Amino acid sequence: FLLRQWLKSGGIDVDKDVRIVALPPTQMAASLEAGLIDGYCVG
């Protein structure tokens, strides 16, 4: 919810302009470092 809200606040169409994928929390930072994702929302 927060990620979509933040993206929408900049005028981004979250269903067309970007791709949102689900990952376990512990894999977020490594996936970012590997270039598999461009950002994330996590605890």
Full PDB file with SEQRES, HELIX, SHEET, SSBOND, CRYST1, ORIGX, SCALE, CONECT and MASTER records, all heavy atoms in Angstrom:
SEQRES   1 A   43  PHE LEU LEU ARG GLN TRP LEU LYS SER GLY GLY ILE ASP          
SEQRES   2 A   43  VAL ASP LYS ASP VAL ARG ILE VAL ALA LEU PRO PRO THR          
SEQRES   3 A   43  GLN MET ALA ALA SER LEU GLU ALA GLY LEU ILE ASP GLY          
SEQRES   4 A   43  TYR CYS VAL GLY                                              
HELIX    1 AA1 LEU A    2  SER A    9  1                                   8    
HELIX    2 AA2 PRO A   25  GLN A   27  5                                   3    
HELIX    3 AA3 MET A   28  GLU A   33  1                                   6    
CRYST1    1.000    1.000    1.000  90.00  90.00  90.00 P 1           1          
ORIGX1      1.000000  0.000000  0.000000        0.00000                         
ORIGX2      0.000000  1.000000  0.000000        0.00000                         
ORIGX3      0.000000  0.000000  1.000000        0.00000                         
SCALE1      1.000000  0.000000  0.000000        0.00000                         
SCALE2      0.000000  1.000000  0.000000        0.00000                         
SCALE3      0.000000  0.000000  1.000000        0.00000                         
ATOM      1  N   PHE A   1       0.829  -1.203   0.000  1.00  0.00           N  
ATOM      2  CA  PHE A   1       0.000   0.000   0.000  1.00  0.00           C  
ATOM      3  C   PHE A   1       0.869   1.261   0.000  1.00  0.00           C  
ATOM      4  O   PHE A   1       0.606   2.205  -0.741  1.00  0.00           O  
ATOM      5  CB  PHE A   1      -0.932   0.006   1.213  1.00  0.00           C  
ATOM      6  CG  PHE A   1      -1.695  -1.278   1.421  1.00  0.00           C  
ATOM      7  CD1 PHE A   1      -1.952  -1.745   2.709  1.00  0.00           C  
ATOM      8  CD2 PHE A   1      -2.157  -2.021   0.348  1.00  0.00           C  
ATOM      9  CE1 PHE A   1      -2.650  -2.920   2.912  1.00  0.00           C  
ATOM     10  CE2 PHE A   1      -2.864  -3.202   0.541  1.00  0.00           C  
ATOM     11  CZ  PHE A   1      -3.106  -3.649   1.835  1.00  0.00           C  
ATOM     12  N   LEU A   2       1.895   1.271   0.843  1.00  0.00           N  
ATOM     13  CA  LEU A   2       2.749   2.451   0.968  1.00  0.00           C  
ATOM     14  C   LEU A   2       3.545   2.704  -0.306  1.00  0.00           C  
ATOM     15  O   LEU A   2       3.710   3.855  -0.729  1.00  0.00           O  
ATOM     16  CB  LEU A   2       3.699   2.286   2.155  1.00  0.00           C  
ATOM     17  CG  LEU A   2       3.050   2.175   3.536  1.00  0.00           C  
ATOM     18  CD1 LEU A   2       4.083   1.806   4.577  1.00  0.00           C  
ATOM     19  CD2 LEU A   2       2.340   3.460   3.915  1.00  0.00           C  
ATOM     20  N   LEU A   3       4.052   1.631  -0.909  1.00  0.00           N  
ATOM     21  CA  LEU A   3       4.830   1.775  -2.137  1.00  0.00           C  
ATOM     22  C   LEU A   3       3.962   2.337  -3.255  1.00  0.00           C  
ATOM     23  O   LEU A   3       4.356   3.272  -3.970  1.00  0.00           O  
ATOM     24  CB  LEU A   3       5.425   0.425  -2.544  1.00  0.00           C  
ATOM     25  CG  LEU A   3       6.250   0.399  -3.834  1.00  0.00           C  
ATOM     26  CD1 LEU A   3       7.444   1.346  -3.753  1.00  0.00           C  
ATOM     27  CD2 LEU A   3       6.728  -1.029  -4.132  1.00  0.00           C  
ATOM     28  N   ARG A   4       2.779   1.778  -3.426  1.00  0.00           N  
ATOM     29  CA  ARG A   4       1.868   2.265  -4.461  1.00  0.00           C  
ATOM     30  C   ARG A   4       1.462   3.717  -4.183  1.00  0.00           C  
ATOM     31  O   ARG A   4       1.404   4.548  -5.101  1.00  0.00           O  
ATOM     32  CB  ARG A   4       0.635   1.363  -4.547  1.00  0.00           C  
ATOM     33  CG  ARG A   4       0.907   0.018  -5.215  1.00  0.00           C  
ATOM     34  CD  ARG A   4      -0.310  -0.906  -5.114  1.00  0.00           C  
ATOM     35  NE  ARG A   4      -1.500  -0.332  -5.707  1.00  0.00           N  
ATOM     36  CZ  ARG A   4      -1.896  -0.535  -6.966  1.00  0.00           C  
ATOM     37  NH1 ARG A   4      -1.169  -1.300  -7.775  1.00  0.00           N  
ATOM     38  NH2 ARG A   4      -3.013   0.000  -7.417  1.00  0.00           N  
ATOM     39  N   GLN A   5       1.186   4.026  -2.934  1.00  0.00           N  
ATOM     40  CA  GLN A   5       0.816   5.394  -2.560  1.00  0.00           C  
ATOM     41  C   GLN A   5       1.932   6.376  -2.906  1.00  0.00           C  
ATOM     42  O   GLN A   5       1.683   7.450  -3.478  1.00  0.00           O  
ATOM     43  CB  GLN A   5       0.526   5.454  -1.059  1.00  0.00           C  
ATOM     44  CG  GLN A   5       0.266   6.852  -0.509  1.00  0.00           C  
ATOM     45  CD  GLN A   5       0.177   6.863   1.010  1.00  0.00           C  
ATOM     46  OE1 GLN A   5      -0.287   5.902   1.633  1.00  0.00           O  
ATOM     47  NE2 GLN A   5       0.626   7.946   1.630  1.00  0.00           N  
ATOM     48  N   TRP A   6       3.162   5.993  -2.576  1.00  0.00           N  
ATOM     49  CA  TRP A   6       4.311   6.873  -2.835  1.00  0.00           C  
ATOM     50  C   TRP A   6       4.523   7.067  -4.338  1.00  0.00           C  
ATOM     51  O   TRP A   6       4.733   8.186  -4.803  1.00  0.00           O  
ATOM     52  CB  TRP A   6       5.564   6.297  -2.190  1.00  0.00           C  
ATOM     53  CG  TRP A   6       6.778   7.166  -2.347  1.00  0.00           C  
ATOM     54  CD1 TRP A   6       7.104   8.266  -1.602  1.00  0.00           C  
ATOM     55  CD2 TRP A   6       7.824   7.005  -3.323  1.00  0.00           C  
ATOM     56  NE1 TRP A   6       8.286   8.809  -2.060  1.00  0.00           N  
ATOM     57  CE2 TRP A   6       8.747   8.056  -3.103  1.00  0.00           C  
ATOM     58  CE3 TRP A   6       8.058   6.082  -4.343  1.00  0.00           C  
ATOM     59  CZ2 TRP A   6       9.899   8.210  -3.882  1.00  0.00           C  
ATOM     60  CZ3 TRP A   6       9.200   6.225  -5.127  1.00  0.00           C  
ATOM     61  CH2 TRP A   6      10.103   7.282  -4.891  1.00  0.00           C  
ATOM     62  N   LEU A   7       4.448   6.002  -5.100  1.00  0.00           N  
ATOM     63  CA  LEU A   7       4.611   6.099  -6.550  1.00  0.00           C  
ATOM     64  C   LEU A   7       3.518   6.979  -7.160  1.00  0.00           C  
ATOM     65  O   LEU A   7       3.788   7.842  -8.004  1.00  0.00           O  
ATOM     66  CB  LEU A   7       4.580   4.708  -7.176  1.00  0.00           C  
ATOM     67  CG  LEU A   7       5.783   3.799  -6.876  1.00  0.00           C  
ATOM     68  CD1 LEU A   7       5.484   2.364  -7.294  1.00  0.00           C  
ATOM     69  CD2 LEU A   7       7.045   4.299  -7.573  1.00  0.00           C  
ATOM     70  N   LYS A   8       2.286   6.772  -6.724  1.00  0.00           N  
ATOM     71  CA  LYS A   8       1.174   7.564  -7.248  1.00  0.00           C  
ATOM     72  C   LYS A   8       1.332   9.041  -6.925  1.00  0.00           C  
ATOM     73  O   LYS A   8       0.889   9.904  -7.702  1.00  0.00           O  
ATOM     74  CB  LYS A   8      -0.153   7.053  -6.674  1.00  0.00           C  
ATOM     75  CG  LYS A   8      -0.641   5.743  -7.273  1.00  0.00           C  
ATOM     76  CD  LYS A   8      -1.986   5.351  -6.670  1.00  0.00           C  
ATOM     77  CE  LYS A   8      -2.552   4.093  -7.312  1.00  0.00           C  
ATOM     78  NZ  LYS A   8      -3.876   3.740  -6.741  1.00  0.00           N  
ATOM     79  N   SER A   9       1.960   9.361  -5.808  1.00  0.00           N  
ATOM     80  CA  SER A   9       2.139  10.766  -5.413  1.00  0.00           C  
ATOM     81  C   SER A   9       2.987  11.536  -6.416  1.00  0.00           C  
ATOM     82  O   SER A   9       2.927  12.768  -6.478  1.00  0.00           O  
ATOM     83  CB  SER A   9       2.772  10.852  -4.015  1.00  0.00           C  
ATOM     84  OG  SER A   9       4.154  10.501  -4.055  1.00  0.00           O  
ATOM     85  N   GLY A  10       3.785  10.830  -7.213  1.00  0.00           N  
ATOM     86  CA  GLY A  10       4.600  11.463  -8.237  1.00  0.00           C  
ATOM     87  C   GLY A  10       3.974  11.403  -9.616  1.00  0.00           C  
ATOM     88  O   GLY A  10       4.623  11.737 -10.616  1.00  0.00           O  
ATOM     89  N   GLY A  11       2.723  10.960  -9.692  1.00  0.00           N  
ATOM     90  CA  GLY A  11       2.040  10.878 -10.977  1.00  0.00           C  
ATOM     91  C   GLY A  11       2.342   9.611 -11.753  1.00  0.00           C  
ATOM     92  O   GLY A  11       2.066   9.523 -12.954  1.00  0.00           O  
ATOM     93  N   ILE A  12       2.890   8.612 -11.092  1.00  0.00           N  
ATOM     94  CA  ILE A  12       3.249   7.350 -11.738  1.00  0.00           C  
ATOM     95  C   ILE A  12       2.042   6.423 -11.765  1.00  0.00           C  
ATOM     96  O   ILE A  12       1.359   6.243 -10.754  1.00  0.00           O  
ATOM     97  CB  ILE A  12       4.427   6.685 -11.000  1.00  0.00           C  
ATOM     98  CG1 ILE A  12       5.679   7.570 -11.098  1.00  0.00           C  
ATOM     99  CG2 ILE A  12       4.715   5.291 -11.533  1.00  0.00           C  
ATOM    100  CD1 ILE A  12       6.803   7.142 -10.190  1.00  0.00           C  
ATOM    101  N   ASP A  13       1.773   5.845 -12.912  1.00  0.00           N  
ATOM    102  CA  ASP A  13       0.715   4.846 -13.047  1.00  0.00           C  
ATOM    103  C   ASP A  13       1.312   3.511 -12.612  1.00  0.00           C  
ATOM    104  O   ASP A  13       2.104   2.904 -13.326  1.00  0.00           O  
ATOM    105  CB  ASP A  13       0.234   4.765 -14.496  1.00  0.00           C  
ATOM    106  CG  ASP A  13      -0.971   3.837 -14.667  1.00  0.00           C  
ATOM    107  OD1 ASP A  13      -1.081   2.853 -13.908  1.00  0.00           O  
ATOM    108  OD2 ASP A  13      -1.780   4.092 -15.569  1.00  0.00           O  
ATOM    109  N   VAL A  14       0.937   3.059 -11.430  1.00  0.00           N  
ATOM    110  CA  VAL A  14       1.588   1.879 -10.848  1.00  0.00           C  
ATOM    111  C   VAL A  14       1.264   0.587 -11.604  1.00  0.00           C  
ATOM    112  O   VAL A  14       1.978  -0.406 -11.469  1.00  0.00           O  
ATOM    113  CB  VAL A  14       1.211   1.715  -9.362  1.00  0.00           C  
ATOM    114  CG1 VAL A  14       1.791   2.837  -8.528  1.00  0.00           C  
ATOM    115  CG2 VAL A  14      -0.303   1.651  -9.184  1.00  0.00           C  
ATOM    116  N   ASP A  15       0.219   0.610 -12.395  1.00  0.00           N  
ATOM    117  CA  ASP A  15      -0.155  -0.591 -13.141  1.00  0.00           C  
ATOM    118  C   ASP A  15       0.467  -0.636 -14.538  1.00  0.00           C  
ATOM    119  O   ASP A  15       0.510  -1.696 -15.164  1.00  0.00           O  
ATOM    120  CB  ASP A  15      -1.675  -0.697 -13.249  1.00  0.00           C  
ATOM    121  CG  ASP A  15      -2.342  -0.826 -11.887  1.00  0.00           C  
ATOM    122  OD1 ASP A  15      -1.857  -1.654 -11.091  1.00  0.00           O  
ATOM    123  OD2 ASP A  15      -3.321  -0.099 -11.633  1.00  0.00           O  
ATOM    124  N   LYS A  16       0.971   0.490 -15.019  1.00  0.00           N  
ATOM    125  CA  LYS A  16       1.529   0.544 -16.370  1.00  0.00           C  
ATOM    126  C   LYS A  16       2.995   0.980 -16.408  1.00  0.00           C  
ATOM    127  O   LYS A  16       3.771   0.475 -17.220  1.00  0.00           O  
ATOM    128  CB  LYS A  16       0.694   1.496 -17.230  1.00  0.00           C  
ATOM    129  CG  LYS A  16      -0.739   1.045 -17.457  1.00  0.00           C  
ATOM    130  CD  LYS A  16      -1.489   2.054 -18.321  1.00  0.00           C  
ATOM    131  CE  LYS A  16      -2.931   1.615 -18.557  1.00  0.00           C  
ATOM    132  NZ  LYS A  16      -3.683   2.613 -19.380  1.00  0.00           N  
ATOM    133  N   ASP A  17       3.360   1.938 -15.562  1.00  0.00           N  
ATOM    134  CA  ASP A  17       4.689   2.543 -15.661  1.00  0.00           C  
ATOM    135  C   ASP A  17       5.788   1.734 -14.994  1.00  0.00           C  
ATOM    136  O   ASP A  17       6.960   1.870 -15.343  1.00  0.00           O  
ATOM    137  CB  ASP A  17       4.683   3.947 -15.048  1.00  0.00           C  
ATOM    138  CG  ASP A  17       3.795   4.913 -15.816  1.00  0.00           C  
ATOM    139  OD1 ASP A  17       3.522   4.647 -17.003  1.00  0.00           O  
ATOM    140  OD2 ASP A  17       3.371   5.925 -15.234  1.00  0.00           O  
ATOM    141  N   VAL A  18       5.428   0.918 -13.998  1.00  0.00           N  
ATOM    142  CA  VAL A  18       6.432   0.174 -13.232  1.00  0.00           C  
ATOM    143  C   VAL A  18       5.963  -1.256 -13.020  1.00  0.00           C  
ATOM    144  O   VAL A  18       4.796  -1.584 -13.260  1.00  0.00           O  
ATOM    145  CB  VAL A  18       6.711   0.831 -11.856  1.00  0.00           C  
ATOM    146  CG1 VAL A  18       7.299   2.220 -12.016  1.00  0.00           C  
ATOM    147  CG2 VAL A  18       5.434   0.874 -11.011  1.00  0.00           C  
ATOM    148  N   ARG A  19       6.873  -2.089 -12.568  1.00  0.00           N  
ATOM    149  CA  ARG A  19       6.544  -3.464 -12.195  1.00  0.00           C  
ATOM    150  C   ARG A  19       6.767  -3.605 -10.690  1.00  0.00           C  
ATOM    151  O   ARG A  19       7.790  -3.166 -10.161  1.00  0.00           O  
ATOM    152  CB  ARG A  19       7.449  -4.442 -12.954  1.00  0.00           C  
ATOM    153  CG  ARG A  19       7.182  -5.911 -12.626  1.00  0.00           C  
ATOM    154  CD  ARG A  19       8.168  -6.822 -13.327  1.00  0.00           C  
ATOM    155  NE  ARG A  19       8.030  -6.762 -14.793  1.00  0.00           N  
ATOM    156  CZ  ARG A  19       8.904  -6.202 -15.605  1.00  0.00           C  
ATOM    157  NH1 ARG A  19      10.003  -5.636 -15.106  1.00  0.00           N  
ATOM    158  NH2 ARG A  19       8.713  -6.197 -16.907  1.00  0.00           N  
ATOM    159  N   ILE A  20       5.813  -4.206  -9.997  1.00  0.00           N  
ATOM    160  CA  ILE A  20       5.939  -4.429  -8.555  1.00  0.00           C  
ATOM    161  C   ILE A  20       5.926  -5.939  -8.306  1.00  0.00           C  
ATOM    162  O   ILE A  20       5.013  -6.639  -8.747  1.00  0.00           O  
ATOM    163  CB  ILE A  20       4.800  -3.747  -7.775  1.00  0.00           C  
ATOM    164  CG1 ILE A  20       4.884  -2.226  -7.950  1.00  0.00           C  
ATOM    165  CG2 ILE A  20       4.877  -4.102  -6.293  1.00  0.00           C  
ATOM    166  CD1 ILE A  20       3.768  -1.455  -7.261  1.00  0.00           C  
ATOM    167  N   VAL A  21       6.952  -6.423  -7.606  1.00  0.00           N  
ATOM    168  CA  VAL A  21       7.092  -7.863  -7.366  1.00  0.00           C  
ATOM    169  C   VAL A  21       7.206  -8.133  -5.862  1.00  0.00           C  
ATOM    170  O   VAL A  21       7.603  -7.270  -5.091  1.00  0.00           O  
ATOM    171  CB  VAL A  21       8.336  -8.427  -8.085  1.00  0.00           C  
ATOM    172  CG1 VAL A  21       8.217  -8.239  -9.590  1.00  0.00           C  
ATOM    173  CG2 VAL A  21       9.620  -7.762  -7.570  1.00  0.00           C  
ATOM    174  N   ALA A  22       6.841  -9.339  -5.472  1.00  0.00           N  
ATOM    175  CA  ALA A  22       6.922  -9.742  -4.067  1.00  0.00           C  
ATOM    176  C   ALA A  22       8.206 -10.521  -3.824  1.00  0.00           C  
ATOM    177  O   ALA A  22       8.543 -11.440  -4.577  1.00  0.00           O  
ATOM    178  CB  ALA A  22       5.716 -10.601  -3.691  1.00  0.00           C  
ATOM    179  N   LEU A  23       8.907 -10.147  -2.752  1.00  0.00           N  
ATOM    180  CA  LEU A  23      10.133 -10.824  -2.338  1.00  0.00           C  
ATOM    181  C   LEU A  23      10.149 -10.947  -0.823  1.00  0.00           C  
ATOM    182  O   LEU A  23       9.585 -10.100  -0.125  1.00  0.00           O  
ATOM    183  CB  LEU A  23      11.372 -10.020  -2.775  1.00  0.00           C  
ATOM    184  CG  LEU A  23      11.681  -9.906  -4.269  1.00  0.00           C  
ATOM    185  CD1 LEU A  23      12.777  -8.866  -4.480  1.00  0.00           C  
ATOM    186  CD2 LEU A  23      12.108 -11.250  -4.823  1.00  0.00           C  
ATOM    187  N   PRO A  24      10.800 -11.973  -0.282  1.00  0.00           N  
ATOM    188  CA  PRO A  24      10.964 -12.045   1.169  1.00  0.00           C  
ATOM    189  C   PRO A  24      11.780 -10.850   1.668  1.00  0.00           C  
ATOM    190  O   PRO A  24      12.689 -10.382   0.963  1.00  0.00           O  
ATOM    191  CB  PRO A  24      11.722 -13.360   1.388  1.00  0.00           C  
ATOM    192  CG  PRO A  24      11.436 -14.167   0.158  1.00  0.00           C  
ATOM    193  CD  PRO A  24      11.334 -13.171  -0.958  1.00  0.00           C  
ATOM    194  N   PRO A  25      11.482 -10.340   2.846  1.00  0.00           N  
ATOM    195  CA  PRO A  25      12.222  -9.183   3.370  1.00  0.00           C  
ATOM    196  C   PRO A  25      13.734  -9.369   3.350  1.00  0.00           C  
ATOM    197  O   PRO A  25      14.476  -8.434   3.002  1.00  0.00           O  
ATOM    198  CB  PRO A  25      11.689  -9.059   4.806  1.00  0.00           C  
ATOM    199  CG  PRO A  25      10.327  -9.648   4.750  1.00  0.00           C  
ATOM    200  CD  PRO A  25      10.412 -10.772   3.758  1.00  0.00           C  
ATOM    201  N   THR A  26      14.187 -10.555   3.715  1.00  0.00           N  
ATOM    202  CA  THR A  26      15.626 -10.790   3.825  1.00  0.00           C  
ATOM    203  C   THR A  26      16.345 -10.802   2.487  1.00  0.00           C  
ATOM    204  O   THR A  26      17.576 -10.768   2.442  1.00  0.00           O  
ATOM    205  CB  THR A  26      15.890 -12.118   4.546  1.00  0.00           C  
ATOM    206  OG1 THR A  26      15.178 -13.172   3.861  1.00  0.00           O  
ATOM    207  CG2 THR A  26      15.428 -12.060   5.989  1.00  0.00           C  
ATOM    208  N   GLN A  27      15.596 -10.835   1.377  1.00  0.00           N  
ATOM    209  CA  GLN A  27      16.215 -10.862   0.046  1.00  0.00           C  
ATOM    210  C   GLN A  27      16.217  -9.506  -0.655  1.00  0.00           C  
ATOM    211  O   GLN A  27      16.766  -9.359  -1.749  1.00  0.00           O  
ATOM    212  CB  GLN A  27      15.507 -11.891  -0.839  1.00  0.00           C  
ATOM    213  CG  GLN A  27      15.676 -13.322  -0.370  1.00  0.00           C  
ATOM    214  CD  GLN A  27      14.960 -14.322  -1.271  1.00  0.00           C  
ATOM    215  OE1 GLN A  27      14.586 -14.013  -2.403  1.00  0.00           O  
ATOM    216  NE2 GLN A  27      14.751 -15.525  -0.760  1.00  0.00           N  
ATOM    217  N   MET A  28      15.623  -8.497  -0.023  1.00  0.00           N  
ATOM    218  CA  MET A  28      15.483  -7.200  -0.674  1.00  0.00           C  
ATOM    219  C   MET A  28      16.827  -6.538  -0.977  1.00  0.00           C  
ATOM    220  O   MET A  28      17.097  -6.132  -2.112  1.00  0.00           O  
ATOM    221  CB  MET A  28      14.646  -6.272   0.201  1.00  0.00           C  
ATOM    222  CG  MET A  28      13.196  -6.652   0.301  1.00  0.00           C  
ATOM    223  SD  MET A  28      12.311  -6.424  -1.261  1.00  0.00           S  
ATOM    224  CE  MET A  28      10.640  -6.716  -0.702  1.00  0.00           C  
ATOM    225  N   ALA A  29      17.660  -6.390   0.055  1.00  0.00           N  
ATOM    226  CA  ALA A  29      18.919  -5.661  -0.119  1.00  0.00           C  
ATOM    227  C   ALA A  29      19.828  -6.351  -1.123  1.00  0.00           C  
ATOM    228  O   ALA A  29      20.462  -5.695  -1.963  1.00  0.00           O  
ATOM    229  CB  ALA A  29      19.622  -5.504   1.223  1.00  0.00           C  
ATOM    230  N   ALA A  30      19.887  -7.675  -1.074  1.00  0.00           N  
ATOM    231  CA  ALA A  30      20.728  -8.418  -2.012  1.00  0.00           C  
ATOM    232  C   ALA A  30      20.207  -8.287  -3.438  1.00  0.00           C  
ATOM    233  O   ALA A  30      20.985  -8.185  -4.389  1.00  0.00           O  
ATOM    234  CB  ALA A  30      20.802  -9.883  -1.604  1.00  0.00           C  
ATOM    235  N   SER A  31      18.893  -8.272  -3.598  1.00  0.00           N  
ATOM    236  CA  SER A  31      18.303  -8.126  -4.931  1.00  0.00           C  
ATOM    237  C   SER A  31      18.568  -6.741  -5.495  1.00  0.00           C  
ATOM    238  O   SER A  31      18.789  -6.577  -6.702  1.00  0.00           O  
ATOM    239  CB  SER A  31      16.792  -8.383  -4.864  1.00  0.00           C  
ATOM    240  OG  SER A  31      16.516  -9.714  -4.480  1.00  0.00           O  
ATOM    241  N   LEU A  32      18.565  -5.738  -4.629  1.00  0.00           N  
ATOM    242  CA  LEU A  32      18.890  -4.376  -5.059  1.00  0.00           C  
ATOM    243  C   LEU A  32      20.348  -4.289  -5.499  1.00  0.00           C  
ATOM    244  O   LEU A  32      20.666  -3.730  -6.549  1.00  0.00           O  
ATOM    245  CB  LEU A  32      18.627  -3.390  -3.925  1.00  0.00           C  
ATOM    246  CG  LEU A  32      18.763  -1.907  -4.289  1.00  0.00           C  
ATOM    247  CD1 LEU A  32      17.561  -1.447  -5.106  1.00  0.00           C  
ATOM    248  CD2 LEU A  32      18.893  -1.050  -3.029  1.00  0.00           C  
ATOM    249  N   GLU A  33      21.230  -4.872  -4.697  1.00  0.00           N  
ATOM    250  CA  GLU A  33      22.660  -4.847  -5.003  1.00  0.00           C  
ATOM    251  C   GLU A  33      22.961  -5.565  -6.315  1.00  0.00           C  
ATOM    252  O   GLU A  33      23.825  -5.148  -7.093  1.00  0.00           O  
ATOM    253  CB  GLU A  33      23.450  -5.483  -3.863  1.00  0.00           C  
ATOM    254  CG  GLU A  33      24.953  -5.399  -4.031  1.00  0.00           C  
ATOM    255  CD  GLU A  33      25.715  -5.940  -2.838  1.00  0.00           C  
ATOM    256  OE1 GLU A  33      25.071  -6.524  -1.927  1.00  0.00           O  
ATOM    257  OE2 GLU A  33      26.949  -5.778  -2.793  1.00  0.00           O  
ATOM    258  N   ALA A  34      22.212  -6.626  -6.592  1.00  0.00           N  
ATOM    259  CA  ALA A  34      22.425  -7.399  -7.815  1.00  0.00           C  
ATOM    260  C   ALA A  34      21.782  -6.749  -9.038  1.00  0.00           C  
ATOM    261  O   ALA A  34      21.953  -7.233 -10.158  1.00  0.00           O  
ATOM    262  CB  ALA A  34      21.861  -8.808  -7.634  1.00  0.00           C  
ATOM    263  N   GLY A  35      21.043  -5.669  -8.830  1.00  0.00           N  
ATOM    264  CA  GLY A  35      20.402  -4.990  -9.944  1.00  0.00           C  
ATOM    265  C   GLY A  35      19.117  -5.637 -10.414  1.00  0.00           C  
ATOM    266  O   GLY A  35      18.607  -5.309 -11.487  1.00  0.00           O  
ATOM    267  N   LEU A  36      18.578  -6.554  -9.624  1.00  0.00           N  
ATOM    268  CA  LEU A  36      17.342  -7.244 -10.007  1.00  0.00           C  
ATOM    269  C   LEU A  36      16.118  -6.373  -9.793  1.00  0.00           C  
ATOM    270  O   LEU A  36      15.080  -6.568 -10.430  1.00  0.00           O  
ATOM    271  CB  LEU A  36      17.204  -8.547  -9.213  1.00  0.00           C  
ATOM    272  CG  LEU A  36      18.346  -9.554  -9.388  1.00  0.00           C  
ATOM    273  CD1 LEU A  36      18.137 -10.754  -8.481  1.00  0.00           C  
ATOM    274  CD2 LEU A  36      18.449  -9.993 -10.846  1.00  0.00           C  
ATOM    275  N   ILE A  37      16.210  -5.428  -8.856  1.00  0.00           N  
ATOM    276  CA  ILE A  37      15.137  -4.469  -8.601  1.00  0.00           C  
ATOM    277  C   ILE A  37      15.753  -3.083  -8.470  1.00  0.00           C  
ATOM    278  O   ILE A  37      16.955  -2.939  -8.232  1.00  0.00           O  
ATOM    279  CB  ILE A  37      14.320  -4.827  -7.329  1.00  0.00           C  
ATOM    280  CG1 ILE A  37      15.244  -4.953  -6.106  1.00  0.00           C  
ATOM    281  CG2 ILE A  37      13.511  -6.098  -7.527  1.00  0.00           C  
ATOM    282  CD1 ILE A  37      14.500  -5.213  -4.798  1.00  0.00           C  
ATOM    283  N   ASP A  38      14.916  -2.074  -8.603  1.00  0.00           N  
ATOM    284  CA  ASP A  38      15.389  -0.687  -8.548  1.00  0.00           C  
ATOM    285  C   ASP A  38      15.056  -0.016  -7.216  1.00  0.00           C  
ATOM    286  O   ASP A  38      15.512   1.099  -6.953  1.00  0.00           O  
ATOM    287  CB  ASP A  38      14.759   0.109  -9.688  1.00  0.00           C  
ATOM    288  CG  ASP A  38      15.146  -0.461 -11.045  1.00  0.00           C  
ATOM    289  OD1 ASP A  38      16.309  -0.296 -11.440  1.00  0.00           O  
ATOM    290  OD2 ASP A  38      14.286  -1.094 -11.688  1.00  0.00           O  
ATOM    291  N   GLY A  39      14.286  -0.680  -6.414  1.00  0.00           N  
ATOM    292  CA  GLY A  39      13.910  -0.146  -5.113  1.00  0.00           C  
ATOM    293  C   GLY A  39      12.954  -1.090  -4.433  1.00  0.00           C  
ATOM    294  O   GLY A  39      12.530  -2.084  -5.027  1.00  0.00           O  
ATOM    295  N   TYR A  40      12.611  -0.769  -3.187  1.00  0.00           N  
ATOM    296  CA  TYR A  40      11.700  -1.643  -2.458  1.00  0.00           C  
ATOM    297  C   TYR A  40      11.141  -0.940  -1.236  1.00  0.00           C  
ATOM    298  O   TYR A  40      11.656   0.092  -0.788  1.00  0.00           O  
ATOM    299  CB  TYR A  40      12.398  -2.929  -2.024  1.00  0.00           C  
ATOM    300  CG  TYR A  40      13.691  -2.761  -1.238  1.00  0.00           C  
ATOM    301  CD1 TYR A  40      13.687  -2.386   0.102  1.00  0.00           C  
ATOM    302  CD2 TYR A  40      14.928  -3.022  -1.834  1.00  0.00           C  
ATOM    303  CE1 TYR A  40      14.861  -2.272   0.823  1.00  0.00           C  
ATOM    304  CE2 TYR A  40      16.111  -2.908  -1.131  1.00  0.00           C  
ATOM    305  CZ  TYR A  40      16.078  -2.522   0.211  1.00  0.00           C  
ATOM    306  OH  TYR A  40      17.243  -2.400   0.927  1.00  0.00           O  
ATOM    307  N   CYS A  41      10.079  -1.510  -0.710  1.00  0.00           N  
ATOM    308  CA  CYS A  41       9.534  -1.099   0.583  1.00  0.00           C  
ATOM    309  C   CYS A  41       9.612  -2.305   1.499  1.00  0.00           C  
ATOM    310  O   CYS A  41       9.088  -3.375   1.182  1.00  0.00           O  
ATOM    311  CB  CYS A  41       8.086  -0.625   0.456  1.00  0.00           C  
ATOM    312  SG  CYS A  41       7.411   0.032   2.020  1.00  0.00           S  
ATOM    313  N   VAL A  42      10.277  -2.131   2.644  1.00  0.00           N  
ATOM    314  CA  VAL A  42      10.498  -3.249   3.554  1.00  0.00           C  
ATOM    315  C   VAL A  42      10.694  -2.705   4.967  1.00  0.00           C  
ATOM    316  O   VAL A  42      10.903  -1.494   5.164  1.00  0.00           O  
ATOM    317  CB  VAL A  42      11.740  -4.071   3.107  1.00  0.00           C  
ATOM    318  CG1 VAL A  42      13.033  -3.358   3.470  1.00  0.00           C  
ATOM    319  CG2 VAL A  42      11.718  -5.485   3.676  1.00  0.00           C  
ATOM    320  N   GLY A  43      10.630  -3.590   5.938  1.00  0.00           N  
ATOM    321  CA  GLY A  43      10.905  -3.212   7.311  1.00  0.00           C  
ATOM    322  C   GLY A  43      12.399  -3.177   7.574  1.00  0.00           C  
ATOM    323  O   GLY A  43      13.204  -3.718   6.819  1.00  0.00           O  
TER     324      GLY A  43                                                      
MASTER        0    0    0    3    0    0    0    6  323    1    0    4          
END                                                                             
